[in-house]
Amino acid sequence: MMTLLILSTLLLIGLVLMLVEVLFVPGTTFVGIFGLVISIAGLVFAFANFETSTAWTITAIAVIANLAAIVYGFRSGVWNRFSLKTSLKGGAFDGRLEGLYLGMPGKAISDLKPIGKAMFGENIYEVKSKGSFISVGSEIEIIKIENNTILVK
């Protein structure tokens, strides 16, 4: 009974490590090699502790189980939960500053020390003062728009 437990544990750990290699770790890495070594150790253990015909049967079952798990995993779509399905659409200059212009008046809605929030029209933006402290409620104006940064005074 103990030999079956050891054998099944070795083969199962080897299978799991090889699946991790195939699905999560690109290329041939330590994980896949270690999984293969553990699987081979399980098969050597089978040949050392069982009759040859039984060991060959265990080998065939292990190979079929490994292939079946990989094929089932890819065909069933169970691994799709782990893959990225969306991509970022925005960029550094995605139009969020459209409608703003140099000299546009606004109001600080938080202290600018030197970065804070300000309202221009109906929209709130993160702004940066020209190095000085500006208190909440102060009237401000845009003096520069560069790289998605709004510089105010």
C-alpha atoms as a PDB file:
ATOM      1  CA  MET A   1       0.000   0.000   0.000  1.00  0.00           C
ATOM      2  CA  MET A   2       2.816   2.405   0.883  1.00  0.00           C
ATOM      3  CA  THR A   3       4.591   1.713  -2.419  1.00  0.00           C
ATOM      4  CA  LEU A   4       1.437   2.649  -4.348  1.00  0.00           C
ATOM      5  CA  LEU A   5       1.171   5.886  -2.378  1.00  0.00           C
ATOM      6  CA  ILE A   6       4.800   6.785  -3.067  1.00  0.00           C
ATOM      7  CA  LEU A   7       4.456   5.861  -6.741  1.00  0.00           C
ATOM      8  CA  SER A   8       1.253   7.825  -7.280  1.00  0.00           C
ATOM      9  CA  THR A   9       2.673  10.840  -5.419  1.00  0.00           C
ATOM     10  CA  LEU A  10       5.814  10.889  -7.579  1.00  0.00           C
ATOM     11  CA  LEU A  11       3.828  10.560 -10.796  1.00  0.00           C
ATOM     12  CA  LEU A  12       1.274  13.178  -9.752  1.00  0.00           C
ATOM     13  CA  ILE A  13       3.924  15.720  -8.709  1.00  0.00           C
ATOM     14  CA  GLY A  14       5.758  15.124 -11.985  1.00  0.00           C
ATOM     15  CA  LEU A  15       2.537  15.635 -13.952  1.00  0.00           C
ATOM     16  CA  VAL A  16       1.685  18.857 -12.109  1.00  0.00           C
ATOM     17  CA  LEU A  17       5.170  20.301 -12.600  1.00  0.00           C
ATOM     18  CA  MET A  18       5.145  19.484 -16.317  1.00  0.00           C
ATOM     19  CA  LEU A  19       1.706  21.092 -16.686  1.00  0.00           C
ATOM     20  CA  VAL A  20       2.993  24.194 -14.900  1.00  0.00           C
ATOM     21  CA  GLU A  21       5.915  24.248 -17.334  1.00  0.00           C
ATOM     22  CA  VAL A  22       3.679  23.958 -20.397  1.00  0.00           C
ATOM     23  CA  LEU A  23       1.050  26.451 -19.263  1.00  0.00           C
ATOM     24  CA  PHE A  24       2.767  29.079 -17.152  1.00  0.00           C
ATOM     25  CA  VAL A  25       6.531  29.054 -17.651  1.00  0.00           C
ATOM     26  CA  PRO A  26       7.633  29.690 -21.236  1.00  0.00           C
ATOM     27  CA  GLY A  27      10.588  27.730 -22.612  1.00  0.00           C
ATOM     28  CA  THR A  28      12.369  24.793 -21.075  1.00  0.00           C
ATOM     29  CA  THR A  29      13.125  25.677 -17.497  1.00  0.00           C
ATOM     30  CA  PHE A  30      13.979  24.100 -14.190  1.00  0.00           C
ATOM     31  CA  VAL A  31      10.295  23.453 -13.430  1.00  0.00           C
ATOM     32  CA  GLY A  32       9.776  21.253 -16.494  1.00  0.00           C
ATOM     33  CA  ILE A  33      13.072  19.432 -16.103  1.00  0.00           C
ATOM     34  CA  PHE A  34      12.364  18.818 -12.422  1.00  0.00           C
ATOM     35  CA  GLY A  35       8.882  17.516 -13.289  1.00  0.00           C
ATOM     36  CA  LEU A  36      10.371  15.170 -15.874  1.00  0.00           C
ATOM     37  CA  VAL A  37      13.003  13.934 -13.383  1.00  0.00           C
ATOM     38  CA  ILE A  38      10.339  13.280 -10.740  1.00  0.00           C
ATOM     39  CA  SER A  39       8.187  11.408 -13.278  1.00  0.00           C
ATOM     40  CA  ILE A  40      11.166   9.294 -14.338  1.00  0.00           C
ATOM     41  CA  ALA A  41      11.966   8.659 -10.659  1.00  0.00           C
ATOM     42  CA  GLY A  42       8.413   7.417 -10.234  1.00  0.00           C
ATOM     43  CA  LEU A  43       8.823   5.052 -13.164  1.00  0.00           C
ATOM     44  CA  VAL A  44      12.192   3.802 -11.852  1.00  0.00           C
ATOM     45  CA  PHE A  45      10.489   3.278  -8.490  1.00  0.00           C
ATOM     46  CA  ALA A  46       7.785   1.262 -10.282  1.00  0.00           C
ATOM     47  CA  PHE A  47      10.367  -0.971 -11.997  1.00  0.00           C
ATOM     48  CA  ALA A  48      12.240  -1.434  -8.700  1.00  0.00           C
ATOM     49  CA  ASN A  49       9.186  -2.424  -6.655  1.00  0.00           C
ATOM     50  CA  PHE A  50       6.841  -4.200  -9.071  1.00  0.00           C
ATOM     51  CA  GLU A  51       7.099  -6.960 -11.659  1.00  0.00           C
ATOM     52  CA  THR A  52       8.270  -5.853 -15.092  1.00  0.00           C
ATOM     53  CA  SER A  53       4.865  -6.283 -16.723  1.00  0.00           C
ATOM     54  CA  THR A  54       3.201  -4.260 -13.966  1.00  0.00           C
ATOM     55  CA  ALA A  55       5.867  -1.553 -14.242  1.00  0.00           C
ATOM     56  CA  TRP A  56       5.326  -1.300 -18.015  1.00  0.00           C
ATOM     57  CA  THR A  57       1.586  -1.010 -17.410  1.00  0.00           C
ATOM     58  CA  ILE A  58       2.214   1.783 -14.901  1.00  0.00           C
ATOM     59  CA  THR A  59       4.493   3.491 -17.445  1.00  0.00           C
ATOM     60  CA  ALA A  60       1.818   3.295 -20.143  1.00  0.00           C
ATOM     61  CA  ILE A  61      -0.849   4.624 -17.764  1.00  0.00           C
ATOM     62  CA  ALA A  62       1.435   7.502 -16.682  1.00  0.00           C
ATOM     63  CA  VAL A  63       2.207   8.506 -20.279  1.00  0.00           C
ATOM     64  CA  ILE A  64      -1.455   8.322 -21.291  1.00  0.00           C
ATOM     65  CA  ALA A  65      -2.506  10.286 -18.190  1.00  0.00           C
ATOM     66  CA  ASN A  66       0.080  13.023 -18.886  1.00  0.00           C
ATOM     67  CA  LEU A  67      -0.949  13.356 -22.526  1.00  0.00           C
ATOM     68  CA  ALA A  68      -4.661  13.221 -21.675  1.00  0.00           C
ATOM     69  CA  ALA A  69      -4.318  15.927 -19.025  1.00  0.00           C
ATOM     70  CA  ILE A  70      -2.488  18.248 -21.419  1.00  0.00           C
ATOM     71  CA  VAL A  71      -4.884  17.620 -24.325  1.00  0.00           C
ATOM     72  CA  TYR A  72      -7.965  17.947 -22.107  1.00  0.00           C
ATOM     73  CA  GLY A  73      -6.606  21.113 -20.553  1.00  0.00           C
ATOM     74  CA  PHE A  74      -6.159  22.824 -23.904  1.00  0.00           C
ATOM     75  CA  ARG A  75      -9.343  21.529 -25.522  1.00  0.00           C
ATOM     76  CA  SER A  76     -11.694  22.191 -22.622  1.00  0.00           C
ATOM     77  CA  GLY A  77     -10.700  25.829 -22.328  1.00  0.00           C
ATOM     78  CA  VAL A  78     -10.060  25.502 -18.611  1.00  0.00           C
ATOM     79  CA  TRP A  79      -6.712  27.273 -19.130  1.00  0.00           C
ATOM     80  CA  ASN A  80      -8.387  30.269 -20.791  1.00  0.00           C
ATOM     81  CA  ARG A  81      -9.056  31.650 -17.324  1.00  0.00           C
ATOM     82  CA  PHE A  82      -5.325  32.161 -16.947  1.00  0.00           C
ATOM     83  CA  SER A  83      -4.747  33.974 -20.231  1.00  0.00           C
ATOM     84  CA  LEU A  84      -4.944  37.701 -20.861  1.00  0.00           C
ATOM     85  CA  LYS A  85      -8.006  38.616 -22.909  1.00  0.00           C
ATOM     86  CA  THR A  86      -7.878  42.396 -22.904  1.00  0.00           C
ATOM     87  CA  SER A  87      -5.297  44.967 -23.731  1.00  0.00           C
ATOM     88  CA  LEU A  88      -4.778  48.541 -22.713  1.00  0.00           C
ATOM     89  CA  LYS A  89      -6.293  50.947 -25.183  1.00  0.00           C
ATOM     90  CA  GLY A  90      -4.970  54.216 -23.762  1.00  0.00           C
ATOM     91  CA  GLY A  91      -1.616  55.756 -24.243  1.00  0.00           C
ATOM     92  CA  ALA A  92       0.484  58.594 -22.992  1.00  0.00           C
ATOM     93  CA  PHE A  93      -1.548  61.111 -24.998  1.00  0.00           C
ATOM     94  CA  ASP A  94      -5.088  59.774 -25.015  1.00  0.00           C
ATOM     95  CA  GLY A  95      -7.035  63.026 -25.339  1.00  0.00           C
ATOM     96  CA  ARG A  96      -7.953  63.541 -21.704  1.00  0.00           C
ATOM     97  CA  LEU A  97      -6.644  67.119 -21.861  1.00  0.00           C
ATOM     98  CA  GLU A  98      -8.736  68.097 -24.875  1.00  0.00           C
ATOM     99  CA  GLY A  99     -10.563  71.367 -24.406  1.00  0.00           C
ATOM    100  CA  LEU A 100      -7.859  72.889 -22.237  1.00  0.00           C
ATOM    101  CA  TYR A 101      -5.852  75.836 -23.560  1.00  0.00           C
ATOM    102  CA  LEU A 102      -3.107  78.196 -22.392  1.00  0.00           C
ATOM    103  CA  GLY A 103      -4.479  81.008 -20.263  1.00  0.00           C
ATOM    104  CA  MET A 104      -7.650  79.073 -19.357  1.00  0.00           C
ATOM    105  CA  PRO A 105      -8.889  80.133 -15.906  1.00  0.00           C
ATOM    106  CA  GLY A 106      -9.713  77.597 -13.230  1.00  0.00           C
ATOM    107  CA  LYS A 107     -10.001  77.074  -9.501  1.00  0.00           C
ATOM    108  CA  ALA A 108      -7.825  75.015  -7.144  1.00  0.00           C
ATOM    109  CA  ILE A 109     -10.029  72.467  -5.370  1.00  0.00           C
ATOM    110  CA  SER A 110      -7.150  71.201  -3.233  1.00  0.00           C
ATOM    111  CA  ASP A 111      -3.908  72.715  -2.009  1.00  0.00           C
ATOM    112  CA  LEU A 112      -1.273  72.636  -4.742  1.00  0.00           C
ATOM    113  CA  LYS A 113       1.998  71.728  -3.022  1.00  0.00           C
ATOM    114  CA  PRO A 114       3.051  71.811  -5.918  1.00  0.00           C
ATOM    115  CA  ILE A 115       0.717  69.042  -7.212  1.00  0.00           C
ATOM    116  CA  GLY A 116      -3.003  68.974  -6.518  1.00  0.00           C
ATOM    117  CA  LYS A 117      -6.464  69.069  -8.090  1.00  0.00           C
ATOM    118  CA  ALA A 118      -8.082  71.912  -9.996  1.00  0.00           C
ATOM    119  CA  MET A 119     -11.346  72.457 -11.827  1.00  0.00           C
ATOM    120  CA  PHE A 120     -11.475  73.866 -15.347  1.00  0.00           C
ATOM    121  CA  GLY A 121     -15.024  74.191 -16.595  1.00  0.00           C
ATOM    122  CA  GLU A 122     -16.893  71.148 -15.286  1.00  0.00           C
ATOM    123  CA  ASN A 123     -13.901  68.813 -15.222  1.00  0.00           C
ATOM    124  CA  ILE A 124     -11.348  68.107 -12.492  1.00  0.00           C
ATOM    125  CA  TYR A 125      -7.685  67.636 -13.433  1.00  0.00           C
ATOM    126  CA  GLU A 126      -4.445  66.941 -11.635  1.00  0.00           C
ATOM    127  CA  VAL A 127      -2.276  70.042 -11.984  1.00  0.00           C
ATOM    128  CA  LYS A 128       1.157  71.225 -10.961  1.00  0.00           C
ATOM    129  CA  SER A 129       1.966  74.711  -9.762  1.00  0.00           C
ATOM    130  CA  LYS A 130       5.113  76.455 -10.901  1.00  0.00           C
ATOM    131  CA  GLY A 131       6.991  75.478  -7.733  1.00  0.00           C
ATOM    132  CA  SER A 132       4.933  77.541  -5.283  1.00  0.00           C
ATOM    133  CA  PHE A 133       2.185  76.644  -2.838  1.00  0.00           C
ATOM    134  CA  ILE A 134      -1.344  77.548  -3.969  1.00  0.00           C
ATOM    135  CA  SER A 135      -4.130  77.210  -1.424  1.00  0.00           C
ATOM    136  CA  VAL A 136      -7.511  75.595  -2.043  1.00  0.00           C
ATOM    137  CA  GLY A 137     -10.073  77.944  -3.594  1.00  0.00           C
ATOM    138  CA  SER A 138      -7.499  80.139  -5.350  1.00  0.00           C
ATOM    139  CA  GLU A 139      -8.062  81.278  -8.908  1.00  0.00           C
ATOM    140  CA  ILE A 140      -5.450  79.789 -11.258  1.00  0.00           C
ATOM    141  CA  GLU A 141      -4.654  79.770 -14.949  1.00  0.00           C
ATOM    142  CA  ILE A 142      -2.930  77.326 -17.266  1.00  0.00           C
ATOM    143  CA  ILE A 143       0.538  78.471 -18.315  1.00  0.00           C
ATOM    144  CA  LYS A 144       1.770  75.272 -19.994  1.00  0.00           C
ATOM    145  CA  ILE A 145       0.458  71.859 -21.118  1.00  0.00           C
ATOM    146  CA  GLU A 146       3.189  69.325 -21.766  1.00  0.00           C
ATOM    147  CA  ASN A 147       3.283  65.487 -21.672  1.00  0.00           C
ATOM    148  CA  ASN A 148      -0.149  65.269 -19.990  1.00  0.00           C
ATOM    149  CA  THR A 149       1.025  67.677 -17.292  1.00  0.00           C
ATOM    150  CA  ILE A 150      -0.908  70.881 -16.687  1.00  0.00           C
ATOM    151  CA  LEU A 151       1.299  73.642 -15.277  1.00  0.00           C
ATOM    152  CA  VAL A 152      -0.582  76.485 -13.560  1.00  0.00           C
ATOM    153  CA  LYS A 153       0.109  79.748 -11.741  1.00  0.00           C
END
